[in-house]
Amino acid sequence: MISARFFYAGEHCTGCSVEGHAGYAEEGADIVCASVSSAVQTVANLMTEIYHLPVSAEETEKTAAIVLRLDKPDDSGNADRLFAGLELQFQLLAEAYPAYIQLRHMEV
């Protein structure tokens, strides 16, 4: 199962952690893992390469984990919007594949 945690400081999302494998199908054919990976990569690229937000990205291949963390407050609001879009995508995936992805909100 994929575990996605979104970290909030009040109303502002400060990061997310996505870990695990869906186990929906064999490696290379798992559409749930592919969807999650694609969504995270897109948001990470938007944050770092397009909007140049103060965000760090860490990947751990052994545990299939990626962490996106806002390093300082983002006054533009773009980080909140991008994290909200990622969370919405995960919610839609969780509705379609409830046994394969779990979402949590964490207050930091």
N, C-alpha and C. Protein backbone atom coordinates (compact mmCIF):
# COMPACT_ATOMS: atom_id res chain seq x y z
N MET A 1 0.84 -1.18 0.00
CA MET A 1 0.00 0.00 0.00
C MET A 1 0.88 1.24 0.00
N ILE A 2 0.41 2.26 -0.69
CA ILE A 2 1.10 3.55 -0.70
C ILE A 2 0.52 4.40 0.41
N SER A 3 1.39 4.99 1.20
CA SER A 3 1.00 5.89 2.28
C SER A 3 1.44 7.30 1.90
N ALA A 4 0.48 8.21 1.83
CA ALA A 4 0.78 9.61 1.53
C ALA A 4 0.37 10.45 2.71
N ARG A 5 1.32 11.20 3.25
CA ARG A 5 1.05 12.09 4.38
C ARG A 5 1.29 13.53 3.94
N PHE A 6 0.34 14.39 4.26
CA PHE A 6 0.46 15.81 3.97
C PHE A 6 0.59 16.55 5.28
N PHE A 7 1.62 17.38 5.39
CA PHE A 7 1.95 18.08 6.63
C PHE A 7 1.44 19.51 6.57
N TYR A 8 0.71 19.90 7.61
CA TYR A 8 0.11 21.23 7.66
C TYR A 8 0.57 21.98 8.89
N ALA A 9 0.82 23.28 8.68
CA ALA A 9 1.04 24.23 9.76
C ALA A 9 -0.14 25.20 9.66
N GLY A 10 -1.16 24.95 10.45
CA GLY A 10 -2.39 25.72 10.31
C GLY A 10 -3.06 25.36 9.00
N GLU A 11 -3.34 26.37 8.19
CA GLU A 11 -4.00 26.15 6.90
C GLU A 11 -3.02 25.91 5.76
N HIS A 12 -1.72 26.01 6.03
CA HIS A 12 -0.72 25.91 4.97
C HIS A 12 -0.04 24.55 4.96
N CYS A 13 -0.01 23.94 3.78
CA CYS A 13 0.70 22.68 3.62
C CYS A 13 2.19 22.98 3.51
N THR A 14 2.98 22.29 4.33
CA THR A 14 4.42 22.52 4.34
C THR A 14 5.20 21.39 3.69
N GLY A 15 4.50 20.33 3.28
CA GLY A 15 5.19 19.24 2.62
C GLY A 15 4.35 17.98 2.57
N CYS A 16 4.95 16.97 1.97
CA CYS A 16 4.28 15.67 1.91
C CYS A 16 5.33 14.57 1.84
N SER A 17 4.90 13.41 2.26
CA SER A 17 5.74 12.22 2.22
C SER A 17 4.92 11.12 1.57
N VAL A 18 5.51 10.47 0.59
CA VAL A 18 4.83 9.38 -0.12
C VAL A 18 5.75 8.16 -0.05
N GLU A 19 5.20 7.05 0.43
CA GLU A 19 6.05 5.89 0.67
C GLU A 19 5.32 4.60 0.34
N GLY A 20 6.06 3.64 -0.18
CA GLY A 20 5.55 2.30 -0.39
C GLY A 20 5.22 1.98 -1.84
N HIS A 21 4.76 0.76 -2.02
CA HIS A 21 4.31 0.27 -3.32
C HIS A 21 2.85 -0.10 -3.23
N ALA A 22 2.11 0.16 -4.27
CA ALA A 22 0.68 -0.13 -4.25
C ALA A 22 0.41 -1.62 -4.19
N GLY A 23 1.12 -2.40 -4.96
CA GLY A 23 0.86 -3.83 -5.02
C GLY A 23 -0.36 -4.17 -5.85
N TYR A 24 -0.77 -3.27 -6.71
CA TYR A 24 -1.93 -3.50 -7.57
C TYR A 24 -1.63 -4.52 -8.66
N ALA A 25 -0.40 -4.45 -9.18
CA ALA A 25 0.02 -5.37 -10.24
C ALA A 25 1.53 -5.56 -10.13
N GLU A 26 2.08 -6.37 -11.02
CA GLU A 26 3.52 -6.60 -11.03
C GLU A 26 4.27 -5.31 -11.36
N GLU A 27 5.52 -5.26 -10.91
CA GLU A 27 6.37 -4.11 -11.21
C GLU A 27 6.40 -3.88 -12.72
N GLY A 28 6.22 -2.64 -13.11
CA GLY A 28 6.20 -2.30 -14.53
C GLY A 28 4.80 -2.28 -15.12
N ALA A 29 3.84 -2.85 -14.39
CA ALA A 29 2.46 -2.88 -14.87
C ALA A 29 1.49 -2.31 -13.84
N ASP A 30 2.02 -1.75 -12.75
CA ASP A 30 1.20 -1.25 -11.65
C ASP A 30 0.75 0.18 -11.96
N ILE A 31 -0.50 0.33 -12.40
CA ILE A 31 -0.99 1.65 -12.79
C ILE A 31 -1.18 2.59 -11.61
N VAL A 32 -1.40 2.05 -10.42
CA VAL A 32 -1.54 2.90 -9.24
C VAL A 32 -0.19 3.51 -8.89
N CYS A 33 0.86 2.70 -8.86
CA CYS A 33 2.21 3.22 -8.59
C CYS A 33 2.63 4.22 -9.66
N ALA A 34 2.34 3.91 -10.90
CA ALA A 34 2.71 4.80 -11.99
C ALA A 34 1.99 6.14 -11.87
N SER A 35 0.72 6.11 -11.51
CA SER A 35 -0.04 7.35 -11.35
C SER A 35 0.50 8.20 -10.22
N VAL A 36 0.79 7.57 -9.09
CA VAL A 36 1.33 8.29 -7.94
C VAL A 36 2.71 8.86 -8.27
N SER A 37 3.57 8.06 -8.86
CA SER A 37 4.92 8.52 -9.21
C SER A 37 4.86 9.70 -10.18
N SER A 38 4.03 9.60 -11.18
CA SER A 38 3.90 10.67 -12.17
C SER A 38 3.40 11.96 -11.53
N ALA A 39 2.40 11.85 -10.65
CA ALA A 39 1.86 13.04 -9.99
C ALA A 39 2.92 13.71 -9.11
N VAL A 40 3.65 12.91 -8.34
CA VAL A 40 4.69 13.47 -7.46
C VAL A 40 5.80 14.12 -8.28
N GLN A 41 6.25 13.46 -9.33
CA GLN A 41 7.31 14.02 -10.17
C GLN A 41 6.87 15.32 -10.83
N THR A 42 5.64 15.36 -11.29
CA THR A 42 5.13 16.58 -11.92
C THR A 42 5.11 17.74 -10.94
N VAL A 43 4.58 17.50 -9.74
CA VAL A 43 4.51 18.57 -8.74
C VAL A 43 5.92 18.99 -8.30
N ALA A 44 6.80 18.03 -8.09
CA ALA A 44 8.18 18.36 -7.70
C ALA A 44 8.85 19.21 -8.77
N ASN A 45 8.67 18.85 -10.04
CA ASN A 45 9.26 19.63 -11.13
C ASN A 45 8.65 21.02 -11.23
N LEU A 46 7.35 21.11 -11.06
CA LEU A 46 6.71 22.43 -11.08
C LEU A 46 7.26 23.32 -9.95
N MET A 47 7.38 22.73 -8.77
CA MET A 47 7.86 23.51 -7.63
C MET A 47 9.30 23.97 -7.81
N THR A 48 10.16 23.06 -8.27
CA THR A 48 11.59 23.40 -8.32
C THR A 48 12.02 24.09 -9.61
N GLU A 49 11.49 23.64 -10.73
CA GLU A 49 12.00 24.13 -12.02
C GLU A 49 11.16 25.24 -12.65
N ILE A 50 9.88 25.26 -12.37
CA ILE A 50 9.01 26.26 -12.99
C ILE A 50 8.77 27.44 -12.05
N TYR A 51 8.32 27.16 -10.82
CA TYR A 51 8.01 28.22 -9.86
C TYR A 51 9.20 28.61 -8.98
N HIS A 52 10.25 27.82 -8.99
CA HIS A 52 11.46 28.08 -8.19
C HIS A 52 11.12 28.33 -6.72
N LEU A 53 10.30 27.45 -6.17
CA LEU A 53 9.89 27.56 -4.78
C LEU A 53 10.99 27.03 -3.86
N PRO A 54 11.01 27.50 -2.62
CA PRO A 54 12.01 27.03 -1.66
C PRO A 54 11.62 25.66 -1.11
N VAL A 55 11.75 24.65 -1.96
CA VAL A 55 11.34 23.30 -1.58
C VAL A 55 12.49 22.34 -1.78
N SER A 56 12.58 21.35 -0.91
CA SER A 56 13.59 20.31 -1.08
C SER A 56 12.87 18.99 -1.36
N ALA A 57 13.52 18.16 -2.13
CA ALA A 57 12.97 16.85 -2.47
C ALA A 57 14.00 15.80 -2.12
N GLU A 58 13.58 14.79 -1.38
CA GLU A 58 14.45 13.68 -1.00
C GLU A 58 13.80 12.38 -1.44
N GLU A 59 14.60 11.52 -2.05
CA GLU A 59 14.08 10.23 -2.52
C GLU A 59 14.90 9.12 -1.88
N THR A 60 14.22 8.07 -1.43
CA THR A 60 14.86 6.90 -0.88
C THR A 60 14.36 5.70 -1.67
N GLU A 61 15.22 5.18 -2.51
CA GLU A 61 14.82 4.09 -3.40
C GLU A 61 14.49 2.81 -2.63
N LYS A 62 15.24 2.53 -1.58
CA LYS A 62 15.06 1.28 -0.83
C LYS A 62 13.64 1.14 -0.30
N THR A 63 13.07 2.22 0.23
CA THR A 63 11.71 2.18 0.78
C THR A 63 10.68 2.78 -0.16
N ALA A 64 11.09 3.11 -1.38
CA ALA A 64 10.20 3.74 -2.36
C ALA A 64 9.52 4.96 -1.74
N ALA A 65 10.34 5.88 -1.22
CA ALA A 65 9.81 7.05 -0.54
C ALA A 65 10.32 8.33 -1.19
N ILE A 66 9.46 9.33 -1.18
CA ILE A 66 9.86 10.67 -1.59
C ILE A 66 9.22 11.66 -0.63
N VAL A 67 10.00 12.65 -0.26
CA VAL A 67 9.53 13.70 0.64
C VAL A 67 9.74 15.04 -0.06
N LEU A 68 8.67 15.81 -0.14
CA LEU A 68 8.75 17.19 -0.62
C LEU A 68 8.52 18.08 0.58
N ARG A 69 9.44 19.00 0.83
CA ARG A 69 9.37 19.83 2.03
C ARG A 69 9.61 21.29 1.66
N LEU A 70 8.72 22.15 2.08
CA LEU A 70 8.89 23.58 1.90
C LEU A 70 9.91 24.05 2.93
N ASP A 71 11.02 24.63 2.46
CA ASP A 71 12.10 25.01 3.35
C ASP A 71 11.85 26.32 4.10
N LYS A 72 11.02 27.17 3.53
CA LYS A 72 10.63 28.42 4.18
C LYS A 72 9.26 28.81 3.65
N PRO A 73 8.56 29.72 4.32
CA PRO A 73 7.22 30.09 3.88
C PRO A 73 7.22 30.61 2.44
N ASP A 74 6.14 30.29 1.74
CA ASP A 74 5.96 30.72 0.35
C ASP A 74 4.83 31.74 0.30
N ASP A 75 5.19 33.01 0.19
CA ASP A 75 4.20 34.08 0.19
C ASP A 75 3.33 34.11 -1.07
N SER A 76 3.78 33.47 -2.14
CA SER A 76 3.03 33.49 -3.39
C SER A 76 1.77 32.62 -3.34
N GLY A 77 1.75 31.64 -2.44
CA GLY A 77 0.63 30.72 -2.36
C GLY A 77 0.72 29.57 -3.36
N ASN A 78 1.75 29.58 -4.20
CA ASN A 78 1.87 28.53 -5.21
C ASN A 78 2.13 27.16 -4.60
N ALA A 79 2.90 27.11 -3.53
CA ALA A 79 3.17 25.81 -2.88
C ALA A 79 1.87 25.21 -2.36
N ASP A 80 1.04 26.04 -1.70
CA ASP A 80 -0.24 25.53 -1.20
C ASP A 80 -1.10 24.99 -2.33
N ARG A 81 -1.14 25.71 -3.45
CA ARG A 81 -1.96 25.28 -4.58
C ARG A 81 -1.43 23.98 -5.19
N LEU A 82 -0.12 23.87 -5.31
CA LEU A 82 0.46 22.66 -5.88
C LEU A 82 0.27 21.45 -4.96
N PHE A 83 0.48 21.64 -3.66
CA PHE A 83 0.24 20.55 -2.72
C PHE A 83 -1.25 20.17 -2.72
N ALA A 84 -2.14 21.16 -2.82
CA ALA A 84 -3.58 20.87 -2.87
C ALA A 84 -3.92 20.06 -4.11
N GLY A 85 -3.31 20.39 -5.24
CA GLY A 85 -3.54 19.63 -6.47
C GLY A 85 -3.05 18.20 -6.34
N LEU A 86 -1.89 18.02 -5.72
CA LEU A 86 -1.36 16.67 -5.51
C LEU A 86 -2.27 15.88 -4.58
N GLU A 87 -2.71 16.52 -3.52
CA GLU A 87 -3.60 15.84 -2.58
C GLU A 87 -4.93 15.47 -3.25
N LEU A 88 -5.46 16.35 -4.08
CA LEU A 88 -6.69 16.04 -4.81
C LEU A 88 -6.49 14.83 -5.71
N GLN A 89 -5.36 14.79 -6.43
CA GLN A 89 -5.08 13.65 -7.30
C GLN A 89 -5.02 12.35 -6.49
N PHE A 90 -4.38 12.40 -5.33
CA PHE A 90 -4.30 11.22 -4.47
C PHE A 90 -5.67 10.82 -3.94
N GLN A 91 -6.52 11.80 -3.59
CA GLN A 91 -7.87 11.49 -3.13
C GLN A 91 -8.66 10.77 -4.21
N LEU A 92 -8.54 11.24 -5.45
CA LEU A 92 -9.24 10.60 -6.56
C LEU A 92 -8.73 9.18 -6.79
N LEU A 93 -7.42 9.00 -6.69
CA LEU A 93 -6.86 7.65 -6.81
C LEU A 93 -7.32 6.75 -5.66
N ALA A 94 -7.37 7.30 -4.46
CA ALA A 94 -7.81 6.52 -3.29
C ALA A 94 -9.27 6.12 -3.42
N GLU A 95 -10.08 6.96 -4.04
CA GLU A 95 -11.49 6.60 -4.26
C GLU A 95 -11.60 5.47 -5.29
N ALA A 96 -10.76 5.53 -6.31
CA ALA A 96 -10.80 4.51 -7.36
C ALA A 96 -10.13 3.21 -6.93
N TYR A 97 -9.10 3.31 -6.09
CA TYR A 97 -8.31 2.14 -5.66
C TYR A 97 -8.11 2.20 -4.15
N PRO A 98 -9.19 2.07 -3.37
CA PRO A 98 -9.08 2.28 -1.92
C PRO A 98 -8.17 1.31 -1.18
N ALA A 99 -7.93 0.15 -1.70
CA ALA A 99 -7.08 -0.82 -1.02
C ALA A 99 -5.60 -0.59 -1.27
N TYR A 100 -5.27 0.42 -2.09
CA TYR A 100 -3.89 0.57 -2.53
C TYR A 100 -3.24 1.91 -2.16
N ILE A 101 -4.02 2.85 -1.67
CA ILE A 101 -3.44 4.15 -1.29
C ILE A 101 -4.18 4.69 -0.07
N GLN A 102 -3.40 5.21 0.86
CA GLN A 102 -3.94 5.77 2.10
C GLN A 102 -3.44 7.20 2.26
N LEU A 103 -4.33 8.12 2.61
CA LEU A 103 -3.98 9.52 2.81
C LEU A 103 -4.12 9.90 4.28
N ARG A 104 -3.21 10.76 4.74
CA ARG A 104 -3.30 11.28 6.12
C ARG A 104 -2.89 12.75 6.13
N HIS A 105 -3.52 13.49 7.03
CA HIS A 105 -3.12 14.87 7.30
C HIS A 105 -2.39 14.88 8.64
N MET A 106 -1.30 15.60 8.70
CA MET A 106 -0.54 15.69 9.93
C MET A 106 -0.31 17.16 10.24
N GLU A 107 -0.56 17.56 11.47
CA GLU A 107 -0.28 18.91 11.90
C GLU A 107 1.16 18.97 12.40
N VAL A 108 1.91 19.98 11.94
CA VAL A 108 3.31 20.11 12.37
C VAL A 108 3.53 21.40 13.11
